Amino acid sequence: MKTKNTDKLFDRWINNPNDQFSFDELNELLQNIDKDSESKHIDDFFAENWEKAGQEKEGNEFNQDCNYQAISQFIRQKEQREDRKIIEFKVRNAFTFISKVAAILILPMVLMILLDNGFSNKSDNFISNVEYFSPPASRTHIFLPDSSEVWLNSNSKLEVMHGYGKGERGIKLTGEAYFSVKKDKKTPFNVYAQGINVRVHGTKFNISAYEDQDSVETVLLSGSISLKYTQYPGDQGILMVPDQRINYYKQADSVRSDFVDSQAYCSWKDGILVFYDSPMEEVTKKLERWFNVNIVIKDEMLLNYRITGTLKDRSLDQIMKFISLTSPIDYIQEGDNIYMKKR
């Protein structure tokens, strides 16, 4: 039912879709979009706003199924944050109308809609539809539309390809993520990350692909995956087995493989930092991302030191004290800066 606040709701939606809408406001908005009796009122309202915005024609139409999946993900996240049941919106029917209007009306806090171009295996041609970001000093738990599970580590970004689930489940990773992929032999799952392509039907694995790293690290926990990189000959890629680790070196365009305790490489999602004979540079990089600080090594000799330890739910000060006790290292913290020197 249309109320005197309906026009104000539409005006808020157009001018600032990122505004904090209540469940009742969203329900009223979507119900009015869905009502045939309101269609003329809404058409006139949007037409007026398009004219004000100087638009000459409607924007590109959107893939209804894919956008519905993305909206559902947004609603699940909102439900978890506010700890209450969500009104059953008529989202699918609403998109029959919404798909006719421009991108400024479609949940930009969730969706980044681009032109409907073909998808290329090269990550620089990747067309994303949904984007997730895990801020510094945090970890983010995500469920993709096919129920595959992803944990994003600190300062990491995950982009979901346009048309996800239609012939391919493609995502692009910048940073670190743990994947538990739902099995689907007909729709392969592809991860594009800093020069590599990991292809899988259903398995668990971890990829670390930060832009400031020299290498991209892939560790397989269970199942099997195929890993390809730019100069790898053939189409099948390197078939990995559980507990295998492959480092792809970006500058050299080459790989190195070994076997590790794979659980240690995904323990970060449970709040556990594991170092096993780890070089100091690697340790400090992880701590910088984990706690959103800047660590300055004043004595280059410290780069030769290696750290071993398992640290669960420890503060930055506790970890620095651990390093200081196990190595001849002193440190001083000044705000978000930590200075390390040889003792």
C-alpha atoms as a PDB file:
ATOM      1  CA  MET A   1       0.000   0.000   0.000  1.00  0.00           C
ATOM      2  CA  LYS A   2       1.317   3.403  -0.993  1.00  0.00           C
ATOM      3  CA  THR A   3       1.833   5.836   1.880  1.00  0.00           C
ATOM      4  CA  LYS A   4       2.800   9.497   2.006  1.00  0.00           C
ATOM      5  CA  ASN A   5       6.361   8.352   2.731  1.00  0.00           C
ATOM      6  CA  THR A   6       6.671   6.328  -0.485  1.00  0.00           C
ATOM      7  CA  ASP A   7       7.893   9.272  -2.561  1.00  0.00           C
ATOM      8  CA  LYS A   8      10.459  10.101   0.124  1.00  0.00           C
ATOM      9  CA  LEU A   9      11.670   6.496   0.162  1.00  0.00           C
ATOM     10  CA  PHE A  10      12.143   6.471  -3.611  1.00  0.00           C
ATOM     11  CA  ASP A  11      13.900   9.833  -3.418  1.00  0.00           C
ATOM     12  CA  ARG A  12      16.291   8.500  -0.747  1.00  0.00           C
ATOM     13  CA  TRP A  13      16.909   5.360  -2.803  1.00  0.00           C
ATOM     14  CA  ILE A  14      17.802   7.303  -5.940  1.00  0.00           C
ATOM     15  CA  ASN A  15      19.991   9.861  -4.219  1.00  0.00           C
ATOM     16  CA  ASN A  16      21.753   7.537  -1.769  1.00  0.00           C
ATOM     17  CA  PRO A  17      21.122   3.777  -2.082  1.00  0.00           C
ATOM     18  CA  ASN A  18      23.811   3.268   0.598  1.00  0.00           C
ATOM     19  CA  ASP A  19      21.562   4.938   3.152  1.00  0.00           C
ATOM     20  CA  GLN A  20      20.589   2.847   6.172  1.00  0.00           C
ATOM     21  CA  PHE A  21      17.137   1.546   5.196  1.00  0.00           C
ATOM     22  CA  SER A  22      15.161  -0.375   7.800  1.00  0.00           C
ATOM     23  CA  PHE A  23      13.561  -3.705   6.953  1.00  0.00           C
ATOM     24  CA  ASP A  24      10.131  -2.048   6.993  1.00  0.00           C
ATOM     25  CA  GLU A  25      11.299   0.674   4.597  1.00  0.00           C
ATOM     26  CA  LEU A  26      12.835  -1.850   2.211  1.00  0.00           C
ATOM     27  CA  ASN A  27       9.661  -3.914   2.359  1.00  0.00           C
ATOM     28  CA  GLU A  28       7.486  -0.884   1.567  1.00  0.00           C
ATOM     29  CA  LEU A  29       9.825   0.109  -1.283  1.00  0.00           C
ATOM     30  CA  LEU A  30       9.832  -3.334  -2.893  1.00  0.00           C
ATOM     31  CA  GLN A  31       6.120  -3.942  -2.355  1.00  0.00           C
ATOM     32  CA  ASN A  32       5.285  -0.685  -4.118  1.00  0.00           C
ATOM     33  CA  ILE A  33       7.640  -1.553  -6.972  1.00  0.00           C
ATOM     34  CA  ASP A  34       5.883  -4.905  -7.287  1.00  0.00           C
ATOM     35  CA  LYS A  35       2.281  -3.641  -7.244  1.00  0.00           C
ATOM     36  CA  ASP A  36       0.659  -3.289 -10.679  1.00  0.00           C
ATOM     37  CA  SER A  37      -1.566  -0.566  -9.276  1.00  0.00           C
ATOM     38  CA  GLU A  38       1.484   1.535  -8.491  1.00  0.00           C
ATOM     39  CA  SER A  39       3.321   1.051 -11.767  1.00  0.00           C
ATOM     40  CA  LYS A  40       2.197   4.309 -13.350  1.00  0.00           C
ATOM     41  CA  HIS A  41       3.100   6.300 -10.241  1.00  0.00           C
ATOM     42  CA  ILE A  42       6.551   4.681 -10.133  1.00  0.00           C
ATOM     43  CA  ASP A  43       7.166   5.058 -13.878  1.00  0.00           C
ATOM     44  CA  ASP A  44       6.333   8.760 -13.620  1.00  0.00           C
ATOM     45  CA  PHE A  45       8.538   9.131 -10.557  1.00  0.00           C
ATOM     46  CA  PHE A  46      11.581   7.512 -12.189  1.00  0.00           C
ATOM     47  CA  ALA A  47      10.986   9.305 -15.487  1.00  0.00           C
ATOM     48  CA  GLU A  48      11.065  12.621 -13.650  1.00  0.00           C
ATOM     49  CA  ASN A  49      14.310  11.705 -11.898  1.00  0.00           C
ATOM     50  CA  TRP A  50      15.902  10.484 -15.115  1.00  0.00           C
ATOM     51  CA  GLU A  51      15.033  13.828 -16.706  1.00  0.00           C
ATOM     52  CA  LYS A  52      16.621  15.679 -13.800  1.00  0.00           C
ATOM     53  CA  ALA A  53      19.725  13.566 -14.119  1.00  0.00           C
ATOM     54  CA  GLY A  54      19.974  14.400 -17.820  1.00  0.00           C
ATOM     55  CA  GLN A  55      19.717  10.777 -18.925  1.00  0.00           C
ATOM     56  CA  GLU A  56      18.565  10.138 -22.472  1.00  0.00           C
ATOM     57  CA  LYS A  57      17.891   6.432 -22.255  1.00  0.00           C
ATOM     58  CA  GLU A  58      17.693   3.602 -19.797  1.00  0.00           C
ATOM     59  CA  GLY A  59      20.819   1.825 -18.625  1.00  0.00           C
ATOM     60  CA  ASN A  60      21.891  -1.670 -19.554  1.00  0.00           C
ATOM     61  CA  GLU A  61      19.544  -4.413 -18.402  1.00  0.00           C
ATOM     62  CA  PHE A  62      20.825  -6.802 -15.790  1.00  0.00           C
ATOM     63  CA  ASN A  63      20.995 -10.553 -15.512  1.00  0.00           C
ATOM     64  CA  GLN A  64      17.971 -11.154 -13.290  1.00  0.00           C
ATOM     65  CA  ASP A  65      19.022 -14.513 -11.791  1.00  0.00           C
ATOM     66  CA  CYS A  66      22.541 -13.353 -10.976  1.00  0.00           C
ATOM     67  CA  ASN A  67      21.320 -10.150  -9.362  1.00  0.00           C
ATOM     68  CA  TYR A  68      18.738 -12.071  -7.372  1.00  0.00           C
ATOM     69  CA  GLN A  69      21.527 -14.275  -5.981  1.00  0.00           C
ATOM     70  CA  ALA A  70      23.558 -11.228  -5.042  1.00  0.00           C
ATOM     71  CA  ILE A  71      20.577  -9.555  -3.333  1.00  0.00           C
ATOM     72  CA  SER A  72      19.942 -12.762  -1.382  1.00  0.00           C
ATOM     73  CA  GLN A  73      23.563 -12.712  -0.169  1.00  0.00           C
ATOM     74  CA  PHE A  74      23.135  -9.087   0.953  1.00  0.00           C
ATOM     75  CA  ILE A  75      19.929  -9.911   2.802  1.00  0.00           C
ATOM     76  CA  ARG A  76      21.581 -12.864   4.593  1.00  0.00           C
ATOM     77  CA  GLN A  77      24.427 -10.620   5.730  1.00  0.00           C
ATOM     78  CA  LYS A  78      21.995  -7.949   6.933  1.00  0.00           C
ATOM     79  CA  GLU A  79      19.989 -10.574   8.808  1.00  0.00           C
ATOM     80  CA  GLN A  80      23.102 -11.802  10.594  1.00  0.00           C
ATOM     81  CA  ARG A  81      24.103  -8.259  11.569  1.00  0.00           C
ATOM     82  CA  GLU A  82      20.722  -7.263  12.971  1.00  0.00           C
ATOM     83  CA  ASP A  83      19.796 -10.702  14.368  1.00  0.00           C
ATOM     84  CA  ARG A  84      16.180 -10.707  13.254  1.00  0.00           C
ATOM     85  CA  LYS A  85      14.063 -12.449  10.635  1.00  0.00           C
ATOM     86  CA  ILE A  86      13.767 -10.671   7.339  1.00  0.00           C
ATOM     87  CA  ILE A  87      10.418 -10.052   5.734  1.00  0.00           C
ATOM     88  CA  GLU A  88       9.992 -12.266   2.702  1.00  0.00           C
ATOM     89  CA  PHE A  89      10.550  -9.726  -0.056  1.00  0.00           C
ATOM     90  CA  LYS A  90       9.217 -10.292  -3.514  1.00  0.00           C
ATOM     91  CA  VAL A  91      12.704  -9.732  -4.853  1.00  0.00           C
ATOM     92  CA  ARG A  92      12.422 -11.832  -7.979  1.00  0.00           C
ATOM     93  CA  ASN A  93       9.237 -10.130  -9.106  1.00  0.00           C
ATOM     94  CA  ALA A  94      10.634  -6.750  -8.164  1.00  0.00           C
ATOM     95  CA  PHE A  95      13.593  -7.280 -10.470  1.00  0.00           C
ATOM     96  CA  THR A  96      11.205  -7.511 -13.419  1.00  0.00           C
ATOM     97  CA  PHE A  97      10.793  -3.781 -12.890  1.00  0.00           C
ATOM     98  CA  ILE A  98      14.208  -2.928 -11.520  1.00  0.00           C
ATOM     99  CA  SER A  99      15.984  -4.470 -14.515  1.00  0.00           C
ATOM    100  CA  LYS A 100      14.396  -1.737 -16.656  1.00  0.00           C
ATOM    101  CA  VAL A 101      16.075   1.117 -14.841  1.00  0.00           C
ATOM    102  CA  ALA A 102      19.647   2.296 -14.562  1.00  0.00           C
ATOM    103  CA  ALA A 103      22.525   1.025 -12.459  1.00  0.00           C
ATOM    104  CA  ILE A 104      22.124   3.845  -9.936  1.00  0.00           C
ATOM    105  CA  LEU A 105      19.035   2.060  -8.569  1.00  0.00           C
ATOM    106  CA  ILE A 106      20.563  -1.378  -7.961  1.00  0.00           C
ATOM    107  CA  LEU A 107      22.158  -1.893  -4.550  1.00  0.00           C
ATOM    108  CA  PRO A 108      25.590  -0.434  -5.355  1.00  0.00           C
ATOM    109  CA  MET A 109      26.805  -1.403  -1.916  1.00  0.00           C
ATOM    110  CA  VAL A 110      26.627  -5.015  -3.132  1.00  0.00           C
ATOM    111  CA  LEU A 111      26.790  -4.923  -6.910  1.00  0.00           C
ATOM    112  CA  MET A 112      29.287  -3.460  -9.351  1.00  0.00           C
ATOM    113  CA  ILE A 113      27.525  -3.944 -12.675  1.00  0.00           C
ATOM    114  CA  LEU A 114      29.531  -3.471 -15.849  1.00  0.00           C
ATOM    115  CA  LEU A 115      28.810  -3.975 -19.537  1.00  0.00           C
ATOM    116  CA  ASP A 116      27.790  -7.458 -20.625  1.00  0.00           C
ATOM    117  CA  ASN A 117      30.982  -8.453 -22.421  1.00  0.00           C
ATOM    118  CA  GLY A 118      32.331 -11.931 -23.002  1.00  0.00           C
ATOM    119  CA  PHE A 119      34.572 -13.488 -20.340  1.00  0.00           C
ATOM    120  CA  SER A 120      38.241 -14.100 -21.013  1.00  0.00           C
ATOM    121  CA  ASN A 121      40.557 -16.460 -19.172  1.00  0.00           C
ATOM    122  CA  LYS A 122      42.897 -13.496 -18.636  1.00  0.00           C
ATOM    123  CA  SER A 123      42.189 -11.887 -15.282  1.00  0.00           C
ATOM    124  CA  ASP A 124      42.742  -8.362 -16.627  1.00  0.00           C
ATOM    125  CA  ASN A 125      39.623  -8.840 -18.798  1.00  0.00           C
ATOM    126  CA  PHE A 126      37.601 -10.059 -15.834  1.00  0.00           C
ATOM    127  CA  ILE A 127      34.062  -8.645 -15.713  1.00  0.00           C
ATOM    128  CA  SER A 128      32.900  -8.604 -12.086  1.00  0.00           C
ATOM    129  CA  ASN A 129      29.337  -8.606 -10.833  1.00  0.00           C
ATOM    130  CA  VAL A 130      29.751  -8.691  -7.060  1.00  0.00           C
ATOM    131  CA  GLU A 131      32.737  -7.553  -5.004  1.00  0.00           C
ATOM    132  CA  TYR A 132      33.649  -8.396  -1.407  1.00  0.00           C
ATOM    133  CA  PHE A 133      36.370  -6.738   0.637  1.00  0.00           C
ATOM    134  CA  SER A 134      37.845  -7.735   3.987  1.00  0.00           C
ATOM    135  CA  PRO A 135      39.248  -4.625   5.719  1.00  0.00           C
ATOM    136  CA  PRO A 136      42.674  -4.551   7.379  1.00  0.00           C
ATOM    137  CA  ALA A 137      42.892  -6.407  10.706  1.00  0.00           C
ATOM    138  CA  SER A 138      39.758  -8.451   9.979  1.00  0.00           C
ATOM    139  CA  ARG A 139      38.545 -11.728   8.467  1.00  0.00           C
ATOM    140  CA  THR A 140      35.352 -12.053   6.417  1.00  0.00           C
ATOM    141  CA  HIS A 141      33.175 -15.155   5.978  1.00  0.00           C
ATOM    142  CA  ILE A 142      31.289 -15.386   2.672  1.00  0.00           C
ATOM    143  CA  PHE A 143      28.854 -17.825   1.077  1.00  0.00           C
ATOM    144  CA  LEU A 144      28.717 -17.675  -2.708  1.00  0.00           C
ATOM    145  CA  PRO A 145      25.422 -18.195  -4.615  1.00  0.00           C
ATOM    146  CA  ASP A 146      26.162 -21.937  -5.092  1.00  0.00           C
ATOM    147  CA  SER A 147      26.787 -22.331  -1.311  1.00  0.00           C
ATOM    148  CA  SER A 148      30.553 -22.549  -1.754  1.00  0.00           C
ATOM    149  CA  GLU A 149      32.272 -21.127   1.326  1.00  0.00           C
ATOM    150  CA  VAL A 150      35.033 -18.511   1.327  1.00  0.00           C
ATOM    151  CA  TRP A 151      37.050 -16.925   4.128  1.00  0.00           C
ATOM    152  CA  LEU A 152      38.769 -13.672   3.159  1.00  0.00           C
ATOM    153  CA  ASN A 153      41.861 -12.688   5.123  1.00  0.00           C
ATOM    154  CA  SER A 154      42.801  -9.154   6.109  1.00  0.00           C
ATOM    155  CA  ASN A 155      42.980  -6.533   3.335  1.00  0.00           C
ATOM    156  CA  SER A 156      41.765  -8.971   0.661  1.00  0.00           C
ATOM    157  CA  LYS A 157      39.300  -8.586  -2.200  1.00  0.00           C
ATOM    158  CA  LEU A 158      37.116 -11.161  -3.962  1.00  0.00           C
ATOM    159  CA  GLU A 159      35.347 -10.379  -7.244  1.00  0.00           C
ATOM    160  CA  VAL A 160      32.596 -12.655  -8.572  1.00  0.00           C
ATOM    161  CA  MET A 161      32.383 -12.859 -12.341  1.00  0.00           C
ATOM    162  CA  HIS A 162      29.391 -11.685 -14.325  1.00  0.00           C
ATOM    163  CA  GLY A 163      27.216 -14.710 -15.099  1.00  0.00           C
ATOM    164  CA  TYR A 164      28.572 -16.772 -12.184  1.00  0.00           C
ATOM    165  CA  GLY A 165      27.207 -20.313 -12.380  1.00  0.00           C
ATOM    166  CA  LYS A 166      26.354 -20.194 -16.088  1.00  0.00           C
ATOM    167  CA  GLY A 167      28.963 -22.470 -17.627  1.00  0.00           C
ATOM    168  CA  GLU A 168      31.616 -21.353 -15.142  1.00  0.00           C
ATOM    169  CA  ARG A 169      31.924 -20.249 -11.530  1.00  0.00           C
ATOM    170  CA  GLY A 170      34.651 -17.654 -11.894  1.00  0.00           C
ATOM    171  CA  ILE A 171      36.150 -15.409  -9.231  1.00  0.00           C
ATOM    172  CA  LYS A 172      39.172 -13.127  -9.004  1.00  0.00           C
ATOM    173  CA  LEU A 173      41.242 -12.930  -5.816  1.00  0.00           C
ATOM    174  CA  THR A 174      43.576 -10.220  -4.595  1.00  0.00           C
ATOM    175  CA  GLY A 175      44.940 -11.109  -1.173  1.00  0.00           C
ATOM    176  CA  GLU A 176      44.398 -14.355   0.730  1.00  0.00           C
ATOM    177  CA  ALA A 177      41.388 -16.667   0.889  1.00  0.00           C
ATOM    178  CA  TYR A 178      40.394 -20.144   2.031  1.00  0.00           C
ATOM    179  CA  PHE A 179      37.911 -21.954  -0.209  1.00  0.00           C
ATOM    180  CA  SER A 180      35.532 -24.830   0.450  1.00  0.00           C
ATOM    181  CA  VAL A 181      33.972 -25.337  -2.978  1.00  0.00           C
ATOM    182  CA  LYS A 182      30.657 -27.095  -3.501  1.00  0.00           C
ATOM    183  CA  LYS A 183      31.020 -29.968  -5.958  1.00  0.00           C
ATOM    184  CA  ASP A 184      29.523 -29.391  -9.400  1.00  0.00           C
ATOM    185  CA  LYS A 185      31.115 -31.348 -12.253  1.00  0.00           C
ATOM    186  CA  LYS A 186      29.076 -29.503 -14.873  1.00  0.00           C
ATOM    187  CA  THR A 187      30.127 -26.038 -13.693  1.00  0.00           C
ATOM    188  CA  PRO A 188      33.853 -25.762 -12.950  1.00  0.00           C
ATOM    189  CA  PHE A 189      35.081 -23.326 -10.321  1.00  0.00           C
ATOM    190  CA  ASN A 190      37.940 -21.044 -11.426  1.00  0.00           C
ATOM    191  CA  VAL A 191      40.063 -18.732  -9.291  1.00  0.00           C
ATOM    192  CA  TYR A 192      42.119 -16.073 -11.092  1.00  0.00           C
ATOM    193  CA  ALA A 193      44.873 -14.648  -8.887  1.00  0.00           C
ATOM    194  CA  GLN A 194      47.953 -12.634  -9.864  1.00  0.00           C
ATOM    195  CA  GLY A 195      48.911 -14.629 -12.946  1.00  0.00           C
ATOM    196  CA  ILE A 196      47.564 -18.080 -12.053  1.00  0.00           C
ATOM    197  CA  ASN A 197      44.310 -19.910 -12.729  1.00  0.00           C
ATOM    198  CA  VAL A 198      43.176 -22.592 -10.266  1.00  0.00           C
ATOM    199  CA  ARG A 199      40.468 -24.840 -11.680  1.00  0.00           C
ATOM    200  CA  VAL A 200      38.383 -27.161  -9.464  1.00  0.00           C
ATOM    201  CA  HIS A 201      35.047 -28.968  -9.263  1.00  0.00           C
ATOM    202  CA  GLY A 202      34.844 -29.338  -5.482  1.00  0.00           C
ATOM    203  CA  THR A 203      37.573 -29.249  -2.831  1.00  0.00           C
ATOM    204  CA  LYS A 204      39.271 -27.239  -0.058  1.00  0.00           C
ATOM    205  CA  PHE A 205      42.338 -25.085  -0.621  1.00  0.00           C
ATOM    206  CA  ASN A 206      44.062 -21.837   0.350  1.00  0.00           C
ATOM    207  CA  ILE A 207      45.517 -19.158  -1.935  1.00  0.00           C
ATOM    208  CA  SER A 208      47.695 -16.247  -0.854  1.00  0.00           C
ATOM    209  CA  ALA A 209      47.998 -13.704  -3.668  1.00  0.00           C
ATOM    210  CA  TYR A 210      48.740 -10.269  -2.255  1.00  0.00           C
ATOM    211  CA  GLU A 211      49.980  -7.728  -4.769  1.00  0.00           C
ATOM    212  CA  ASP A 212      53.124  -6.949  -2.739  1.00  0.00           C
ATOM    213  CA  GLN A 213      54.191 -10.617  -2.565  1.00  0.00           C
ATOM    214  CA  ASP A 214      56.825 -11.970  -4.945  1.00  0.00           C
ATOM    215  CA  SER A 215      54.908 -15.223  -5.299  1.00  0.00           C
ATOM    216  CA  VAL A 216      51.377 -16.621  -5.279  1.00  0.00           C
ATOM    217  CA  GLU A 217      51.051 -19.504  -2.843  1.00  0.00           C
ATOM    218  CA  THR A 218      48.466 -22.272  -3.343  1.00  0.00           C
ATOM    219  CA  VAL A 219      47.994 -25.061  -0.779  1.00  0.00           C
ATOM    220  CA  LEU A 220      45.572 -27.955  -1.298  1.00  0.00           C
ATOM    221  CA  LEU A 221      43.828 -29.440   1.758  1.00  0.00           C
ATOM    222  CA  SER A 222      41.581 -32.050   0.131  1.00  0.00           C
ATOM    223  CA  GLY A 223      40.352 -33.166  -3.271  1.00  0.00           C
ATOM    224  CA  SER A 224      42.300 -32.093  -6.342  1.00  0.00           C
ATOM    225  CA  ILE A 225      42.836 -28.928  -8.334  1.00  0.00           C
ATOM    226  CA  SER A 226      44.667 -27.949 -11.491  1.00  0.00           C
ATOM    227  CA  LEU A 227      46.941 -24.913 -11.471  1.00  0.00           C
ATOM    228  CA  LYS A 228      47.945 -23.036 -14.607  1.00  0.00           C
ATOM    229  CA  TYR A 229      50.185 -20.040 -15.095  1.00  0.00           C
ATOM    230  CA  THR A 230      51.046 -17.845 -18.059  1.00  0.00           C
ATOM    231  CA  GLN A 231      53.832 -19.881 -19.667  1.00  0.00           C
ATOM    232  CA  TYR A 232      52.639 -23.352 -18.624  1.00  0.00           C
ATOM    233  CA  PRO A 233      52.413 -25.601 -21.694  1.00  0.00           C
ATOM    234  CA  GLY A 234      49.174 -27.462 -22.406  1.00  0.00           C
ATOM    235  CA  ASP A 235      45.615 -26.945 -21.262  1.00  0.00           C
ATOM    236  CA  GLN A 236      45.296 -29.183 -18.202  1.00  0.00           C
ATOM    237  CA  GLY A 237      47.671 -27.429 -15.809  1.00  0.00           C
ATOM    238  CA  ILE A 238      49.542 -28.941 -12.854  1.00  0.00           C
ATOM    239  CA  LEU A 239      47.370 -31.481 -11.041  1.00  0.00           C
ATOM    240  CA  MET A 240      47.802 -30.951  -7.295  1.00  0.00           C
ATOM    241  CA  VAL A 241      47.234 -33.505  -4.523  1.00  0.00           C
ATOM    242  CA  PRO A 242      46.412 -32.935  -0.815  1.00  0.00           C
ATOM    243  CA  ASP A 243      49.141 -31.270   1.284  1.00  0.00           C
ATOM    244  CA  GLN A 244      50.934 -30.051  -1.832  1.00  0.00           C
ATOM    245  CA  ARG A 245      52.040 -26.432  -1.981  1.00  0.00           C
ATOM    246  CA  ILE A 246      52.915 -24.589  -5.188  1.00  0.00           C
ATOM    247  CA  ASN A 247      54.513 -21.158  -5.228  1.00  0.00           C
ATOM    248  CA  TYR A 248      54.208 -19.263  -8.490  1.00  0.00           C
ATOM    249  CA  TYR A 249      56.948 -16.628  -8.828  1.00  0.00           C
ATOM    250  CA  LYS A 250      55.485 -13.720 -10.747  1.00  0.00           C
ATOM    251  CA  GLN A 251      58.675 -12.115 -12.031  1.00  0.00           C
ATOM    252  CA  ALA A 252      60.254 -15.352 -13.249  1.00  0.00           C
ATOM    253  CA  ASP A 253      56.930 -16.869 -14.374  1.00  0.00           C
ATOM    254  CA  SER A 254      57.965 -20.179 -12.801  1.00  0.00           C
ATOM    255  CA  VAL A 255      56.788 -22.467 -10.017  1.00  0.00           C
ATOM    256  CA  ARG A 256      58.193 -24.437  -7.102  1.00  0.00           C
ATOM    257  CA  SER A 257      56.380 -27.335  -5.427  1.00  0.00           C
ATOM    258  CA  ASP A 258      56.721 -29.067  -2.045  1.00  0.00           C
ATOM    259  CA  PHE A 259      54.598 -30.810   0.601  1.00  0.00           C
ATOM    260  CA  VAL A 260      53.503 -29.156   3.851  1.00  0.00           C
ATOM    261  CA  ASP A 261      51.101 -29.454   6.779  1.00  0.00           C
ATOM    262  CA  SER A 262      48.184 -27.937   4.878  1.00  0.00           C
ATOM    263  CA  GLN A 263      46.101 -27.238   8.003  1.00  0.00           C
ATOM    264  CA  ALA A 264      48.706 -24.745   9.173  1.00  0.00           C
ATOM    265  CA  TYR A 265      48.102 -22.656   6.031  1.00  0.00           C
ATOM    266  CA  CYS A 266      44.398 -22.112   6.659  1.00  0.00           C
ATOM    267  CA  SER A 267      44.493 -21.784  10.457  1.00  0.00           C
ATOM    268  CA  TRP A 268      44.332 -17.982  10.106  1.00  0.00           C
ATOM    269  CA  LYS A 269      40.574 -18.223   9.517  1.00  0.00           C
ATOM    270  CA  ASP A 270      40.234 -19.605  13.070  1.00  0.00           C
ATOM    271  CA  GLY A 271      42.314 -16.807  14.583  1.00  0.00           C
ATOM    272  CA  ILE A 272      45.545 -18.842  14.694  1.00  0.00           C
ATOM    273  CA  LEU A 273      48.886 -17.656  13.341  1.00  0.00           C
ATOM    274  CA  VAL A 274      51.283 -20.505  12.556  1.00  0.00           C
ATOM    275  CA  PHE A 275      54.953 -19.916  11.794  1.00  0.00           C
ATOM    276  CA  TYR A 276      57.185 -22.844  10.919  1.00  0.00           C
ATOM    277  CA  ASP A 277      60.776 -21.804  10.314  1.00  0.00           C
ATOM    278  CA  SER A 278      59.315 -18.689   8.683  1.00  0.00           C
ATOM    279  CA  PRO A 279      61.717 -15.916   7.566  1.00  0.00           C
ATOM    280  CA  MET A 280      61.383 -12.665   9.468  1.00  0.00           C
ATOM    281  CA  GLU A 281      60.206 -10.747   6.399  1.00  0.00           C
ATOM    282  CA  GLU A 282      57.281 -13.153   5.977  1.00  0.00           C
ATOM    283  CA  VAL A 283      56.442 -12.932   9.686  1.00  0.00           C
ATOM    284  CA  THR A 284      56.374  -9.137   9.711  1.00  0.00           C
ATOM    285  CA  LYS A 285      54.245  -8.985   6.535  1.00  0.00           C
ATOM    286  CA  LYS A 286      51.640 -11.247   8.136  1.00  0.00           C
ATOM    287  CA  LEU A 287      51.626  -9.211  11.324  1.00  0.00           C
ATOM    288  CA  GLU A 288      51.221  -5.965   9.377  1.00  0.00           C
ATOM    289  CA  ARG A 289      48.128  -7.301   7.642  1.00  0.00           C
ATOM    290  CA  TRP A 290      46.780  -9.037  10.735  1.00  0.00           C
ATOM    291  CA  PHE A 291      46.964  -5.964  12.984  1.00  0.00           C
ATOM    292  CA  ASN A 292      47.003  -3.146  10.400  1.00  0.00           C
ATOM    293  CA  VAL A 293      50.354  -1.753  11.546  1.00  0.00           C
ATOM    294  CA  ASN A 294      53.653  -0.784   9.928  1.00  0.00           C
ATOM    295  CA  ILE A 295      56.752  -2.737  10.999  1.00  0.00           C
ATOM    296  CA  VAL A 296      60.157  -1.237  10.312  1.00  0.00           C
ATOM    297  CA  ILE A 297      63.226  -3.491  10.511  1.00  0.00           C
ATOM    298  CA  LYS A 298      66.135  -1.219  11.369  1.00  0.00           C
ATOM    299  CA  ASP A 299      68.825  -3.896  11.226  1.00  0.00           C
ATOM    300  CA  GLU A 300      68.909  -5.941   8.008  1.00  0.00           C
ATOM    301  CA  MET A 301      70.563  -8.817   9.901  1.00  0.00           C
ATOM    302  CA  LEU A 302      67.140  -9.526  11.396  1.00  0.00           C
ATOM    303  CA  LEU A 303      65.948 -10.662   7.968  1.00  0.00           C
ATOM    304  CA  ASN A 304      68.129 -13.763   8.414  1.00  0.00           C
ATOM    305  CA  TYR A 305      66.200 -14.851  11.526  1.00  0.00           C
ATOM    306  CA  ARG A 306      63.431 -17.432  11.347  1.00  0.00           C
ATOM    307  CA  ILE A 307      60.441 -17.860  13.630  1.00  0.00           C
ATOM    308  CA  THR A 308      58.584 -21.017  14.704  1.00  0.00           C
ATOM    309  CA  GLY A 309      55.447 -20.921  16.820  1.00  0.00           C
ATOM    310  CA  THR A 310      51.661 -21.316  16.988  1.00  0.00           C
ATOM    311  CA  LEU A 311      49.866 -18.234  18.306  1.00  0.00           C
ATOM    312  CA  LYS A 312      46.111 -18.325  18.914  1.00  0.00           C
ATOM    313  CA  ASP A 313      44.072 -15.211  19.657  1.00  0.00           C
ATOM    314  CA  ARG A 314      47.147 -13.276  20.795  1.00  0.00           C
ATOM    315  CA  SER A 315      47.479  -9.514  20.866  1.00  0.00           C
ATOM    316  CA  LEU A 316      50.164  -7.729  18.881  1.00  0.00           C
ATOM    317  CA  ASP A 317      52.083  -6.923  22.069  1.00  0.00           C
ATOM    318  CA  GLN A 318      52.011 -10.591  23.126  1.00  0.00           C
ATOM    319  CA  ILE A 319      53.332 -11.715  19.742  1.00  0.00           C
ATOM    320  CA  MET A 320      56.091  -9.110  19.725  1.00  0.00           C
ATOM    321  CA  LYS A 321      57.131 -10.207  23.222  1.00  0.00           C
ATOM    322  CA  PHE A 322      57.207 -13.821  21.989  1.00  0.00           C
ATOM    323  CA  ILE A 323      59.498 -12.832  19.111  1.00  0.00           C
ATOM    324  CA  SER A 324      61.698 -10.835  21.475  1.00  0.00           C
ATOM    325  CA  LEU A 325      62.004 -13.791  23.873  1.00  0.00           C
ATOM    326  CA  THR A 326      62.882 -16.310  21.164  1.00  0.00           C
ATOM    327  CA  SER A 327      65.270 -14.095  19.185  1.00  0.00           C
ATOM    328  CA  PRO A 328      67.809 -11.392  20.078  1.00  0.00           C
ATOM    329  CA  ILE A 329      65.410  -8.664  19.038  1.00  0.00           C
ATOM    330  CA  ASP A 330      64.193  -5.498  20.722  1.00  0.00           C
ATOM    331  CA  TYR A 331      61.177  -3.516  19.557  1.00  0.00           C
ATOM    332  CA  ILE A 332      59.531  -0.176  20.229  1.00  0.00           C
ATOM    333  CA  GLN A 333      55.921   0.615  19.364  1.00  0.00           C
ATOM    334  CA  GLU A 334      54.909   4.180  18.560  1.00  0.00           C
ATOM    335  CA  GLY A 335      51.260   4.302  17.606  1.00  0.00           C
ATOM    336  CA  ASP A 336      50.769   2.127  14.517  1.00  0.00           C
ATOM    337  CA  ASN A 337      54.515   1.896  13.891  1.00  0.00           C
ATOM    338  CA  ILE A 338      56.764  -0.822  15.323  1.00  0.00           C
ATOM    339  CA  TYR A 339      60.547  -0.520  15.087  1.00  0.00           C
ATOM    340  CA  MET A 340      62.633  -3.693  15.393  1.00  0.00           C
ATOM    341  CA  LYS A 341      66.387  -3.817  15.990  1.00  0.00           C
ATOM    342  CA  LYS A 342      69.019  -6.356  17.006  1.00  0.00           C
ATOM    343  CA  ARG A 343      69.569  -6.651  20.723  1.00  0.00           C
END
